[in-house]
Amino acid sequence: MQKESSNFQYEDQIQWQHPDKGVSRQIMAYNDDIMMVKVKFETGAVGAPHTHPHTQATYVASGVFEFTTDGETKTIKAGDGVYIKPNVLHGCKCLEEGLLIDTFSPMRADFL
């Protein structure tokens, strides 16, 4: 049976999850094939290095981040993006409070 979100999502109706210190996320639209997630970071918060079997595309909506993927580290800011291949070690550190929009394919069932 396919899992999927409703057609419309309203920020004030979606609970925030708190996976790490200084990190909060909201699960937005999803089905078995794709998932969009808003992730808020406080300055200094870390997205610990990890891997997963999903393709990930990240858009920086606000803030500044030091992002490492596949052994390469770059500073990215609002308006920038990152593409992460499946099973590649990646993580980030928030340099200025910000918001990331993560898209995963297939969806991250472990987030539900």
N, C-alpha and C. Protein backbone atom coordinates (compact mmCIF):
# COMPACT_ATOMS: atom_id res chain seq x y z
N MET A 1 0.84 -1.19 0.00
CA MET A 1 0.00 0.00 0.00
C MET A 1 0.88 1.25 0.00
N GLN A 2 0.61 2.15 -0.91
CA GLN A 2 1.42 3.36 -1.03
C GLN A 2 1.11 4.33 0.09
N LYS A 3 2.18 4.92 0.64
CA LYS A 3 2.02 5.97 1.63
C LYS A 3 2.11 7.30 0.90
N GLU A 4 1.26 8.25 1.31
CA GLU A 4 1.36 9.56 0.71
C GLU A 4 0.72 10.60 1.61
N SER A 5 1.20 11.82 1.45
CA SER A 5 0.66 12.94 2.20
C SER A 5 -0.63 13.43 1.55
N SER A 6 -1.29 14.34 2.22
CA SER A 6 -2.43 15.00 1.60
C SER A 6 -1.92 15.93 0.50
N ASN A 7 -2.81 16.42 -0.33
CA ASN A 7 -2.41 17.27 -1.44
C ASN A 7 -1.81 18.60 -1.00
N PHE A 8 -2.28 19.13 0.12
CA PHE A 8 -1.81 20.43 0.60
C PHE A 8 -1.26 20.27 2.02
N GLN A 9 -0.19 21.00 2.32
CA GLN A 9 0.40 20.98 3.64
C GLN A 9 0.42 22.40 4.19
N TYR A 10 0.08 22.53 5.47
CA TYR A 10 0.04 23.83 6.12
C TYR A 10 1.00 23.80 7.30
N GLU A 11 1.96 24.71 7.27
CA GLU A 11 3.03 24.72 8.27
C GLU A 11 2.49 24.65 9.70
N ASP A 12 1.42 25.38 9.98
CA ASP A 12 0.91 25.42 11.35
C ASP A 12 0.16 24.15 11.76
N GLN A 13 0.01 23.20 10.83
CA GLN A 13 -0.67 21.95 11.14
C GLN A 13 0.27 20.74 11.14
N ILE A 14 1.55 20.98 10.89
CA ILE A 14 2.52 19.89 10.84
C ILE A 14 3.45 20.00 12.04
N GLN A 15 3.56 18.93 12.80
CA GLN A 15 4.43 18.94 13.98
C GLN A 15 5.89 18.99 13.56
N TRP A 16 6.68 19.70 14.36
CA TRP A 16 8.12 19.72 14.16
C TRP A 16 8.73 18.53 14.90
N GLN A 17 9.64 17.85 14.26
CA GLN A 17 10.44 16.80 14.90
C GLN A 17 11.78 17.44 15.29
N HIS A 18 12.43 16.87 16.30
CA HIS A 18 13.70 17.42 16.78
C HIS A 18 14.75 16.30 16.82
N PRO A 19 15.33 15.98 15.65
CA PRO A 19 16.23 14.83 15.56
C PRO A 19 17.59 15.04 16.23
N ASP A 20 18.05 16.28 16.32
CA ASP A 20 19.35 16.59 16.92
C ASP A 20 19.28 17.95 17.60
N LYS A 21 20.26 18.22 18.46
CA LYS A 21 20.30 19.50 19.16
C LYS A 21 20.42 20.64 18.14
N GLY A 22 19.50 21.59 18.23
CA GLY A 22 19.53 22.74 17.35
C GLY A 22 18.99 22.49 15.96
N VAL A 23 18.39 21.30 15.75
CA VAL A 23 17.85 20.93 14.44
C VAL A 23 16.38 20.54 14.60
N SER A 24 15.52 21.11 13.77
CA SER A 24 14.10 20.77 13.76
C SER A 24 13.68 20.52 12.32
N ARG A 25 12.74 19.58 12.13
CA ARG A 25 12.29 19.31 10.76
C ARG A 25 10.79 19.09 10.71
N GLN A 26 10.23 19.44 9.57
CA GLN A 26 8.82 19.18 9.26
C GLN A 26 8.77 18.34 7.99
N ILE A 27 8.03 17.25 8.07
CA ILE A 27 7.82 16.40 6.89
C ILE A 27 6.69 17.03 6.09
N MET A 28 6.99 17.41 4.88
CA MET A 28 5.99 18.07 4.03
C MET A 28 5.37 17.02 3.10
N ALA A 29 5.37 17.28 1.82
CA ALA A 29 4.73 16.38 0.85
C ALA A 29 5.57 15.12 0.63
N TYR A 30 4.87 13.99 0.42
CA TYR A 30 5.59 12.74 0.14
C TYR A 30 4.66 11.69 -0.44
N ASN A 31 5.27 10.76 -1.14
CA ASN A 31 4.69 9.46 -1.47
C ASN A 31 5.85 8.48 -1.49
N ASP A 32 5.63 7.26 -1.93
CA ASP A 32 6.70 6.27 -1.89
C ASP A 32 7.92 6.69 -2.71
N ASP A 33 7.73 7.53 -3.72
CA ASP A 33 8.80 7.88 -4.65
C ASP A 33 9.58 9.13 -4.29
N ILE A 34 9.01 10.02 -3.49
CA ILE A 34 9.64 11.31 -3.23
C ILE A 34 9.19 11.86 -1.89
N MET A 35 10.04 12.70 -1.27
CA MET A 35 9.67 13.34 -0.01
C MET A 35 10.36 14.70 0.07
N MET A 36 9.61 15.71 0.55
CA MET A 36 10.16 17.04 0.78
C MET A 36 10.12 17.32 2.28
N VAL A 37 11.25 17.81 2.81
CA VAL A 37 11.40 18.04 4.25
C VAL A 37 11.99 19.42 4.49
N LYS A 38 11.38 20.19 5.39
CA LYS A 38 11.95 21.47 5.83
C LYS A 38 12.80 21.19 7.07
N VAL A 39 14.03 21.73 7.07
CA VAL A 39 14.93 21.50 8.19
C VAL A 39 15.48 22.84 8.67
N LYS A 40 15.17 23.20 9.94
CA LYS A 40 15.67 24.43 10.53
C LYS A 40 16.91 24.11 11.37
N PHE A 41 17.93 24.96 11.23
CA PHE A 41 19.17 24.82 11.99
C PHE A 41 19.44 26.09 12.77
N GLU A 42 19.80 25.94 14.04
CA GLU A 42 20.32 27.05 14.82
C GLU A 42 21.81 27.19 14.48
N THR A 43 22.35 28.38 14.65
CA THR A 43 23.78 28.59 14.41
C THR A 43 24.59 27.61 15.26
N GLY A 44 25.54 26.94 14.64
CA GLY A 44 26.40 25.97 15.32
C GLY A 44 25.87 24.56 15.32
N ALA A 45 24.61 24.37 14.96
CA ALA A 45 24.04 23.01 14.93
C ALA A 45 24.69 22.21 13.80
N VAL A 46 24.75 20.90 14.03
CA VAL A 46 25.44 20.00 13.10
C VAL A 46 24.49 18.92 12.60
N GLY A 47 24.53 18.70 11.30
CA GLY A 47 23.92 17.52 10.70
C GLY A 47 25.05 16.50 10.60
N ALA A 48 25.12 15.57 11.54
CA ALA A 48 26.26 14.64 11.64
C ALA A 48 26.45 13.87 10.33
N PRO A 49 27.70 13.59 9.97
CA PRO A 49 27.97 12.82 8.75
C PRO A 49 27.22 11.48 8.79
N HIS A 50 26.59 11.15 7.66
CA HIS A 50 25.80 9.93 7.56
C HIS A 50 25.64 9.55 6.09
N THR A 51 25.12 8.36 5.87
CA THR A 51 24.77 7.92 4.52
C THR A 51 23.35 7.39 4.55
N HIS A 52 22.74 7.32 3.38
CA HIS A 52 21.44 6.68 3.21
C HIS A 52 21.30 6.29 1.75
N PRO A 53 20.42 5.34 1.45
CA PRO A 53 20.30 4.84 0.07
C PRO A 53 19.44 5.73 -0.83
N HIS A 54 19.11 6.93 -0.38
CA HIS A 54 18.24 7.84 -1.13
C HIS A 54 19.06 8.88 -1.88
N THR A 55 18.60 9.28 -3.05
CA THR A 55 19.12 10.46 -3.71
C THR A 55 18.58 11.66 -2.95
N GLN A 56 19.42 12.68 -2.75
CA GLN A 56 19.00 13.87 -2.01
C GLN A 56 19.37 15.12 -2.78
N ALA A 57 18.45 16.06 -2.85
CA ALA A 57 18.71 17.40 -3.38
C ALA A 57 18.31 18.38 -2.28
N THR A 58 19.21 19.29 -1.95
CA THR A 58 18.97 20.24 -0.87
C THR A 58 19.04 21.66 -1.41
N TYR A 59 18.04 22.46 -1.06
CA TYR A 59 18.00 23.88 -1.41
C TYR A 59 18.16 24.68 -0.12
N VAL A 60 19.06 25.67 -0.13
CA VAL A 60 19.26 26.53 1.04
C VAL A 60 18.28 27.70 0.92
N ALA A 61 17.23 27.68 1.74
CA ALA A 61 16.22 28.74 1.72
C ALA A 61 16.72 29.98 2.47
N SER A 62 17.51 29.76 3.53
CA SER A 62 18.09 30.86 4.29
C SER A 62 19.28 30.35 5.06
N GLY A 63 20.14 31.27 5.50
CA GLY A 63 21.30 30.92 6.30
C GLY A 63 22.54 30.61 5.49
N VAL A 64 23.58 30.18 6.24
CA VAL A 64 24.86 29.81 5.65
C VAL A 64 25.29 28.49 6.29
N PHE A 65 25.76 27.55 5.46
CA PHE A 65 26.13 26.22 5.91
C PHE A 65 27.47 25.80 5.34
N GLU A 66 28.22 25.04 6.11
CA GLU A 66 29.41 24.35 5.61
C GLU A 66 28.96 22.92 5.35
N PHE A 67 28.96 22.53 4.09
CA PHE A 67 28.43 21.24 3.68
C PHE A 67 29.55 20.37 3.15
N THR A 68 29.59 19.12 3.59
CA THR A 68 30.56 18.15 3.08
C THR A 68 29.82 17.00 2.45
N THR A 69 30.19 16.68 1.22
CA THR A 69 29.64 15.52 0.54
C THR A 69 30.73 14.88 -0.30
N ASP A 70 30.85 13.57 -0.16
CA ASP A 70 31.83 12.81 -0.92
C ASP A 70 33.24 13.36 -0.74
N GLY A 71 33.56 13.80 0.50
CA GLY A 71 34.89 14.28 0.83
C GLY A 71 35.19 15.71 0.44
N GLU A 72 34.24 16.41 -0.15
CA GLU A 72 34.43 17.79 -0.58
C GLU A 72 33.60 18.72 0.31
N THR A 73 34.23 19.76 0.84
CA THR A 73 33.55 20.71 1.73
C THR A 73 33.46 22.07 1.06
N LYS A 74 32.26 22.64 1.09
CA LYS A 74 32.00 23.97 0.51
C LYS A 74 31.09 24.74 1.45
N THR A 75 31.19 26.06 1.41
CA THR A 75 30.26 26.92 2.12
C THR A 75 29.16 27.31 1.14
N ILE A 76 27.91 27.09 1.56
CA ILE A 76 26.76 27.42 0.72
C ILE A 76 25.82 28.32 1.51
N LYS A 77 25.08 29.15 0.77
CA LYS A 77 24.21 30.15 1.40
C LYS A 77 22.85 30.16 0.72
N ALA A 78 21.97 31.02 1.21
CA ALA A 78 20.62 31.13 0.66
C ALA A 78 20.67 31.23 -0.86
N GLY A 79 19.85 30.41 -1.50
CA GLY A 79 19.79 30.38 -2.96
C GLY A 79 20.63 29.29 -3.59
N ASP A 80 21.54 28.68 -2.80
CA ASP A 80 22.42 27.62 -3.31
C ASP A 80 21.78 26.26 -3.10
N GLY A 81 22.40 25.23 -3.68
CA GLY A 81 21.89 23.88 -3.53
C GLY A 81 23.00 22.85 -3.49
N VAL A 82 22.64 21.64 -3.10
CA VAL A 82 23.57 20.52 -3.01
C VAL A 82 22.88 19.29 -3.56
N TYR A 83 23.60 18.51 -4.36
CA TYR A 83 23.11 17.22 -4.85
C TYR A 83 23.93 16.14 -4.17
N ILE A 84 23.25 15.13 -3.61
CA ILE A 84 23.92 14.06 -2.88
C ILE A 84 23.48 12.73 -3.47
N LYS A 85 24.44 11.98 -3.98
CA LYS A 85 24.16 10.67 -4.55
C LYS A 85 23.85 9.67 -3.43
N PRO A 86 23.14 8.60 -3.75
CA PRO A 86 22.85 7.57 -2.74
C PRO A 86 24.13 6.99 -2.14
N ASN A 87 24.09 6.69 -0.86
CA ASN A 87 25.15 6.01 -0.13
C ASN A 87 26.46 6.78 -0.05
N VAL A 88 26.42 8.11 -0.23
CA VAL A 88 27.60 8.95 -0.13
C VAL A 88 27.60 9.63 1.24
N LEU A 89 28.73 9.58 1.94
CA LEU A 89 28.86 10.22 3.25
C LEU A 89 28.71 11.73 3.09
N HIS A 90 27.84 12.33 3.90
CA HIS A 90 27.61 13.77 3.84
C HIS A 90 27.13 14.28 5.20
N GLY A 91 27.29 15.58 5.40
CA GLY A 91 26.85 16.24 6.62
C GLY A 91 27.04 17.73 6.49
N CYS A 92 26.60 18.48 7.50
CA CYS A 92 26.74 19.93 7.42
C CYS A 92 26.86 20.54 8.82
N LYS A 93 27.35 21.78 8.83
CA LYS A 93 27.38 22.59 10.04
C LYS A 93 26.76 23.93 9.68
N CYS A 94 25.87 24.41 10.53
CA CYS A 94 25.20 25.67 10.29
C CYS A 94 26.07 26.82 10.80
N LEU A 95 26.49 27.71 9.90
CA LEU A 95 27.32 28.85 10.26
C LEU A 95 26.47 30.07 10.62
N GLU A 96 25.31 30.21 9.99
CA GLU A 96 24.33 31.25 10.32
C GLU A 96 22.95 30.61 10.26
N GLU A 97 22.16 30.80 11.32
CA GLU A 97 20.83 30.18 11.41
C GLU A 97 20.15 30.14 10.05
N GLY A 98 19.56 28.97 9.74
CA GLY A 98 18.97 28.86 8.42
C GLY A 98 17.98 27.73 8.26
N LEU A 99 17.48 27.63 7.03
CA LEU A 99 16.46 26.66 6.67
C LEU A 99 16.87 25.96 5.38
N LEU A 100 16.85 24.63 5.43
CA LEU A 100 17.11 23.81 4.25
C LEU A 100 15.81 23.15 3.80
N ILE A 101 15.65 22.99 2.50
CA ILE A 101 14.56 22.21 1.94
C ILE A 101 15.20 20.98 1.31
N ASP A 102 15.00 19.83 1.93
CA ASP A 102 15.56 18.57 1.45
C ASP A 102 14.51 17.80 0.66
N THR A 103 14.92 17.26 -0.47
CA THR A 103 14.06 16.39 -1.26
C THR A 103 14.77 15.06 -1.41
N PHE A 104 14.05 13.98 -1.13
CA PHE A 104 14.61 12.62 -1.18
C PHE A 104 13.83 11.77 -2.16
N SER A 105 14.56 10.88 -2.83
CA SER A 105 13.92 9.87 -3.68
C SER A 105 14.68 8.56 -3.51
N PRO A 106 13.99 7.47 -3.16
CA PRO A 106 12.58 7.45 -2.75
C PRO A 106 12.41 8.14 -1.39
N MET A 107 11.19 8.16 -0.90
CA MET A 107 10.93 8.85 0.37
C MET A 107 11.71 8.20 1.52
N ARG A 108 11.92 8.98 2.57
CA ARG A 108 12.58 8.50 3.78
C ARG A 108 11.53 7.92 4.72
N ALA A 109 11.24 6.64 4.58
CA ALA A 109 10.25 5.99 5.44
C ALA A 109 10.65 6.09 6.90
N ASP A 110 11.97 6.16 7.17
CA ASP A 110 12.45 6.26 8.55
C ASP A 110 12.09 7.60 9.19
N PHE A 111 11.66 8.59 8.42
CA PHE A 111 11.25 9.88 8.97
C PHE A 111 9.79 9.89 9.41
N LEU A 112 9.01 8.91 8.95
CA LEU A 112 7.58 8.90 9.28
C LEU A 112 7.31 8.21 10.60
